[in-house]
Protein backbone atom coordinates (compact mmCIF):
# COMPACT_ATOMS: atom_id res chain seq x y z
CA MET A 1 -21.99 -40.30 -13.94
CA GLY A 2 -23.38 -42.03 -10.76
CA ARG A 3 -22.33 -41.59 -7.19
CA ALA A 4 -19.57 -43.66 -5.59
CA PRO A 5 -20.94 -46.43 -3.43
CA ALA A 6 -21.20 -45.79 0.29
CA LEU A 7 -19.84 -48.33 2.85
CA ALA A 8 -23.63 -49.03 3.66
CA ASP A 9 -24.24 -49.98 -0.07
CA ILE A 10 -21.57 -52.77 -0.04
CA PRO A 11 -23.24 -56.16 0.75
CA VAL A 12 -22.13 -57.71 3.89
CA ASN A 13 -21.52 -60.92 2.09
CA GLU A 14 -19.23 -59.33 -0.44
CA ASN A 15 -15.87 -60.70 -1.00
CA PRO A 16 -13.57 -59.22 1.84
CA ARG A 17 -10.98 -58.35 -0.84
CA GLU A 18 -13.54 -56.06 -2.52
CA ARG A 19 -14.89 -54.71 0.71
CA MET A 20 -11.19 -53.58 1.46
CA THR A 21 -10.81 -51.96 -1.89
CA HIS A 22 -14.01 -50.20 -1.35
CA MET A 23 -12.71 -48.92 2.19
CA LYS A 24 -9.30 -47.85 0.75
CA LEU A 25 -11.02 -45.81 -1.95
CA GLY A 26 -13.17 -44.01 0.67
CA ARG A 27 -9.97 -43.28 2.75
CA ILE A 28 -8.33 -41.92 -0.28
CA ALA A 29 -11.18 -39.69 -1.22
CA LEU A 30 -11.23 -38.39 2.54
CA LEU A 31 -7.57 -37.75 2.50
CA GLY A 32 -7.87 -35.82 -0.82
CA ALA A 33 -10.68 -33.72 0.63
CA ILE A 34 -8.61 -32.99 3.58
CA ALA A 35 -5.59 -32.03 1.60
CA THR A 36 -7.70 -29.69 -0.62
CA LEU A 37 -9.10 -27.95 2.32
CA GLY A 38 -5.70 -27.65 3.96
CA MET A 39 -4.06 -26.18 0.82
CA THR A 40 -7.11 -23.59 0.77
CA GLY A 41 -6.36 -22.52 4.28
CA ALA A 42 -2.62 -22.38 3.78
CA SER A 43 -3.07 -20.11 0.72
CA ALA A 44 -5.11 -17.67 2.63
CA LEU A 45 -2.70 -17.57 5.36
CA LEU A 46 0.30 -17.16 3.23
CA ALA A 47 -1.48 -14.49 1.10
CA HIS A 48 -2.19 -12.45 4.50
CA GLY A 49 -5.77 -12.14 3.48
CA ASP A 50 -7.38 -9.92 1.04
CA VAL A 51 -7.79 -6.55 2.82
CA THR A 52 -10.08 -4.18 1.19
CA PRO A 53 -9.29 -0.78 2.93
CA GLN A 54 -12.10 0.71 4.78
CA ALA A 55 -12.55 4.46 4.72
CA VAL A 56 -11.52 6.60 7.62
CA ASP A 57 -13.38 9.77 8.73
CA THR A 58 -10.49 12.29 9.50
CA SER A 59 -12.63 15.41 9.19
CA ALA A 60 -12.49 16.15 12.87
CA LEU A 61 -8.56 16.25 12.86
CA PRO A 62 -6.44 19.29 12.03
CA GLU A 63 -5.18 19.67 8.45
CA ILE A 64 -1.65 18.77 7.95
CA GLY A 65 -1.18 19.27 4.16
CA GLU A 66 -0.55 16.68 1.40
CA ALA A 67 3.28 16.21 1.78
CA TRP A 68 3.98 13.23 4.05
CA LEU A 69 5.63 14.36 7.47
CA GLU A 70 8.38 12.69 9.08
CA LYS A 71 7.00 13.21 12.61
CA ASN A 72 3.57 12.24 14.01
CA PRO A 73 1.62 15.50 14.23
CA TYR A 74 -1.18 13.76 16.18
CA SER A 75 0.86 12.14 19.01
CA GLY A 76 -1.03 12.45 22.17
CA ASN A 77 -4.23 14.04 20.33
CA ALA A 78 -7.26 12.41 22.06
CA LYS A 79 -9.38 12.74 18.89
CA ALA A 80 -6.68 11.34 16.60
CA ILE A 81 -6.33 8.36 19.12
CA GLU A 82 -10.09 7.73 18.93
CA ILE A 83 -10.22 7.71 15.22
CA GLY A 84 -6.97 5.69 15.06
CA GLN A 85 -8.40 2.98 17.17
CA SER A 86 -11.37 2.68 14.77
CA ALA A 87 -9.19 2.90 11.68
CA TYR A 88 -6.99 0.14 13.01
CA GLY A 89 -9.76 -2.06 13.79
CA GLN A 90 -11.01 -1.73 10.37
CA ASN A 91 -7.81 -1.91 8.33
CA CYS A 92 -4.90 -3.33 10.37
CA ALA A 93 -6.32 -5.61 13.02
CA ARG A 94 -7.04 -8.51 10.47
CA CYS A 95 -3.09 -9.13 10.23
CA HIS A 96 -1.64 -7.28 13.21
CA GLY A 97 -4.10 -8.54 15.74
CA LEU A 98 -6.84 -7.03 17.85
CA ASP A 99 -5.70 -4.36 20.22
CA ALA A 100 -2.15 -4.57 18.35
CA GLU A 101 -1.40 -7.88 19.64
CA SER A 102 -0.13 -9.88 16.91
CA GLY A 103 -0.73 -13.58 16.67
CA GLY A 104 2.71 -13.95 14.91
CA ILE A 105 1.71 -13.68 11.19
CA ALA A 106 2.46 -10.10 11.06
CA PRO A 107 4.75 -7.58 13.13
CA ASP A 108 3.52 -6.95 16.77
CA LEU A 109 3.00 -3.25 16.42
CA ARG A 110 3.22 -2.64 20.19
CA TYR A 111 6.94 -2.88 19.97
CA LEU A 112 7.48 -0.19 17.21
CA GLU A 113 10.19 2.21 18.19
CA GLU A 114 8.96 5.36 19.82
CA GLY A 115 9.85 8.89 18.68
CA GLU A 116 10.69 10.24 15.14
CA SER A 117 12.65 7.24 13.89
CA GLY A 118 9.56 5.04 14.77
CA ASP A 119 7.36 7.41 13.13
CA GLN A 120 9.55 7.40 9.93
CA TRP A 121 9.45 3.47 9.79
CA PHE A 122 5.74 3.52 10.40
CA ALA A 123 5.10 6.11 7.63
CA GLU A 124 7.26 4.10 5.28
CA ARG A 125 5.44 0.90 5.75
CA PHE A 126 2.05 2.59 5.80
CA ARG A 127 2.45 4.40 2.62
CA HIS A 128 4.40 1.76 0.67
CA GLY A 129 3.54 -1.60 2.19
CA SER A 130 5.96 -4.35 2.30
CA SER A 131 6.95 -6.93 -0.29
CA HIS A 132 9.73 -9.47 -0.80
CA ASP A 133 10.58 -11.82 -3.71
CA GLY A 134 7.41 -10.84 -5.43
CA LYS A 135 5.05 -11.59 -2.45
CA VAL A 136 3.06 -8.77 -0.83
CA TYR A 137 3.29 -9.05 2.98
CA MET A 138 1.47 -5.74 3.69
CA PRO A 139 -0.40 -3.86 1.09
CA PRO A 140 0.29 -0.05 0.71
CA PHE A 141 -2.32 2.10 2.57
CA GLY A 142 -0.87 5.56 2.08
CA ASP A 143 -2.49 6.65 -1.17
CA VAL A 144 -5.84 4.78 -0.14
CA LEU A 145 -6.32 6.08 3.39
CA GLY A 146 -4.10 9.11 3.43
CA GLN A 147 -1.74 10.77 5.67
CA LYS A 148 -4.32 11.82 8.34
CA ALA A 149 -5.59 8.35 8.79
CA GLY A 150 -1.98 6.81 8.97
CA TRP A 151 -0.84 9.31 11.70
CA ALA A 152 -4.26 8.86 13.64
CA ILE A 153 -3.41 5.10 13.65
CA ARG A 154 0.12 5.50 14.75
CA ALA A 155 -1.24 7.93 17.50
CA TRP A 156 -3.35 5.06 18.76
CA LEU A 157 -0.46 2.58 18.39
CA GLU A 158 1.58 4.84 20.63
CA THR A 159 -0.92 4.22 23.59
CA LYS A 160 -0.30 0.51 23.15
CA HIS A 161 3.54 0.67 23.28
CA GLU A 162 5.32 -2.01 25.25
CA GLY A 163 9.03 -1.68 25.89
């Protein structure tokens, strides 16, 4: 199968009707390509991106056990905040925005409720993710990254809180 004729391949003295047909076919092909690219970009946006969790080294943090706590044990802990900032950048920023400033796709985490009730909400979402009507809006990170990494991220987010 040969290539489609380019506009330059069409003789100048060609019948004007045939020339218009070639131009229309070219426009249809261009619109098809644009539509295909648009659908590809839209599906990536709607899918929230493929997030492969990145390991977080939490060995410098105090042990807190396996059972998930309801209150952040690392709140205000400088080392946890440092680890949390790095962990957030590697695992959360893609959807929630750099420096926790969302571009509107995912919740803006600077406005999470402070205190124990905010900790509980954060732990629930971090552990189990969020899905509605069969669509995953946030993958679960709890079993993959663990409690120490989750609370370190929450400790960093507390430093970004806006009222």
